[in-house]
C-alpha atoms as a PDB file:
ATOM      1  CA  MET A   1       1.783  11.390  -2.518  1.00  0.00           C
ATOM      2  CA  GLU A   2      -0.100   9.267  -0.118  1.00  0.00           C
ATOM      3  CA  ALA A   3       2.128   6.411  -0.578  1.00  0.00           C
ATOM      4  CA  SER A   4       5.162   8.267   0.266  1.00  0.00           C
ATOM      5  CA  SER A   5       3.824   9.212   3.172  1.00  0.00           C
ATOM      6  CA  PHE A   6       2.832   5.767   4.415  1.00  0.00           C
ATOM      7  CA  LEU A   7       6.225   4.499   3.625  1.00  0.00           C
ATOM      8  CA  GLN A   8       7.867   7.595   5.444  1.00  0.00           C
ATOM      9  CA  VAL A   9       5.885   6.585   8.819  1.00  0.00           C
ATOM     10  CA  CYS A  10       6.755   2.705   8.298  1.00  0.00           C
ATOM     11  CA  ALA A  11      10.477   3.699   8.071  1.00  0.00           C
ATOM     12  CA  PHE A  12      10.150   5.912  10.992  1.00  0.00           C
ATOM     13  CA  THR A  13       8.311   3.568  13.134  1.00  0.00           C
ATOM     14  CA  GLY A  14      10.369   0.597  12.360  1.00  0.00           C
ATOM     15  CA  VAL A  15       7.473  -1.359  10.670  1.00  0.00           C
ATOM     16  CA  GLU A  16       8.495  -3.176   7.533  1.00  0.00           C
ATOM     17  CA  ALA A  17       6.186  -2.165   4.654  1.00  0.00           C
ATOM     18  CA  LEU A  18       5.625  -4.739   1.655  1.00  0.00           C
ATOM     19  CA  GLY A  19       4.960  -1.815  -0.624  1.00  0.00           C
ATOM     20  CA  ILE A  20       2.783   0.217  -2.116  1.00  0.00           C
ATOM     21  CA  ILE A  21       0.367  -0.733  -5.392  1.00  0.00           C
ATOM     22  CA  LYS A  22      -1.856   1.907  -6.634  1.00  0.00           C
ATOM     23  CA  GLY A  23      -4.714   1.479  -9.272  1.00  0.00           C
ATOM     24  CA  VAL A  24      -4.482   4.515 -11.955  1.00  0.00           C
ATOM     25  CA  SER A  25      -7.767   5.287 -13.779  1.00  0.00           C
ATOM     26  CA  ASP A  26      -6.745   8.371 -15.542  1.00  0.00           C
ATOM     27  CA  MET A  27      -3.864  10.417 -17.081  1.00  0.00           C
ATOM     28  CA  GLY A  28      -4.087  13.193 -14.447  1.00  0.00           C
ATOM     29  CA  ASP A  29      -4.784  15.670 -17.268  1.00  0.00           C
ATOM     30  CA  GLU A  30      -7.635  18.029 -17.492  1.00  0.00           C
ATOM     31  CA  ARG A  31     -10.011  15.437 -18.479  1.00  0.00           C
ATOM     32  CA  LYS A  32      -9.289  13.770 -14.892  1.00  0.00           C
ATOM     33  CA  GLY A  33     -12.694  12.482 -13.413  1.00  0.00           C
ATOM     34  CA  LEU A  34     -14.984  13.189 -16.448  1.00  0.00           C
ATOM     35  CA  GLY A  35     -17.133  10.027 -16.975  1.00  0.00           C
ATOM     36  CA  HIS A  36     -13.986   7.520 -17.242  1.00  0.00           C
ATOM     37  CA  GLU A  37     -16.244   4.845 -15.750  1.00  0.00           C
ATOM     38  CA  SER A  38     -14.834   2.166 -18.211  1.00  0.00           C
ATOM     39  CA  HIS A  39     -11.504   3.035 -16.925  1.00  0.00           C
ATOM     40  CA  TYR A  40     -11.999   2.174 -13.225  1.00  0.00           C
ATOM     41  CA  ARG A  41     -12.463  -1.581 -13.665  1.00  0.00           C
ATOM     42  CA  PRO A  42      -9.409  -2.251 -15.722  1.00  0.00           C
ATOM     43  CA  ALA A  43      -7.420  -0.112 -13.376  1.00  0.00           C
ATOM     44  CA  LEU A  44      -8.749  -2.211 -10.429  1.00  0.00           C
ATOM     45  CA  GLN A  45      -8.096  -5.382 -12.157  1.00  0.00           C
ATOM     46  CA  ASN A  46      -4.587  -4.365 -12.821  1.00  0.00           C
ATOM     47  CA  ALA A  47      -3.976  -3.499  -9.068  1.00  0.00           C
ATOM     48  CA  ILE A  48      -5.355  -6.644  -8.030  1.00  0.00           C
ATOM     49  CA  GLU A  49      -3.305  -8.584 -10.350  1.00  0.00           C
ATOM     50  CA  ALA A  50      -0.171  -6.589  -9.469  1.00  0.00           C
ATOM     51  CA  THR A  51      -0.884  -7.121  -5.626  1.00  0.00           C
ATOM     52  CA  LYS A  52      -1.264 -11.121  -6.069  1.00  0.00           C
ATOM     53  CA  SER A  53       1.856 -11.211  -7.955  1.00  0.00           C
ATOM     54  CA  PHE A  54       3.830  -9.185  -5.531  1.00  0.00           C
ATOM     55  CA  ILE A  55       2.675 -10.958  -2.494  1.00  0.00           C
ATOM     56  CA  GLN A  56       3.689 -14.564  -4.091  1.00  0.00           C
ATOM     57  CA  TRP A  57       7.071 -12.995  -4.795  1.00  0.00           C
ATOM     58  CA  LYS A  58       7.319 -11.240  -1.511  1.00  0.00           C
ATOM     59  CA  LEU A  59       5.965 -13.891   0.872  1.00  0.00           C
ATOM     60  CA  HIS A  60       9.466 -15.757   1.267  1.00  0.00           C
ATOM     61  CA  THR A  61      10.942 -12.629   2.725  1.00  0.00           C
ATOM     62  CA  ILE A  62       8.602 -12.368   5.515  1.00  0.00           C
ATOM     63  CA  PRO A  63       9.803 -13.603   8.844  1.00  0.00           C
ATOM     64  CA  ASP A  64       7.736 -16.170  10.708  1.00  0.00           C
ATOM     65  CA  GLU A  65       8.011 -14.673  14.071  1.00  0.00           C
ATOM     66  CA  ILE A  66       5.516 -11.741  15.352  1.00  0.00           C
ATOM     67  CA  PRO A  67       6.980  -8.525  15.519  1.00  0.00           C
ATOM     68  CA  ASP A  68       6.829  -6.561  18.779  1.00  0.00           C
ATOM     69  CA  ILE A  69       4.787  -3.497  18.107  1.00  0.00           C
ATOM     70  CA  SER A  70       4.299  -2.249  21.609  1.00  0.00           C
ATOM     71  CA  GLU A  71       6.780   0.446  21.238  1.00  0.00           C
ATOM     72  CA  CYS A  72       4.950   1.808  17.961  1.00  0.00           C
ATOM     73  CA  LEU A  73       1.542   1.571  19.857  1.00  0.00           C
ATOM     74  CA  PHE A  74       2.922   3.352  22.690  1.00  0.00           C
ATOM     75  CA  LEU A  75       4.362   6.140  20.377  1.00  0.00           C
ATOM     76  CA  CYS A  76       0.847   6.221  18.591  1.00  0.00           C
ATOM     77  CA  GLY A  77      -1.221   6.441  21.988  1.00  0.00           C
ATOM     78  CA  LEU A  78      -2.551   3.064  21.726  1.00  0.00           C
ATOM     79  CA  SER A  79      -2.374   0.023  24.295  1.00  0.00           C
ATOM     80  CA  PHE A  80      -3.902  -3.008  24.335  1.00  0.00           C
END
C-alpha cells in the first residue's frame, strides 16, 4: 500500500524511482505480530540482499547528470 503511493508520487512529480523492496516477516494472517521475533532478522537479511542485487543490476541505467528538481521542490513548498 505505502509503496504504491510512493511510486504514484514519483510518477506525478517526474522523479525516477528505482523501485520498492519490502521485507515481510509474517503471513498477514490472524497470528500477525504475535511473537515472531525469529522471523524479523531473516526478513531483514532477505531485504538487504534483494536491495544489493537490485542496485547492482540497476546502476547502469542511472543517468550521470543530476536532475533539476527545482520544480518538484516548488510544488512541495520547499526552496533552497
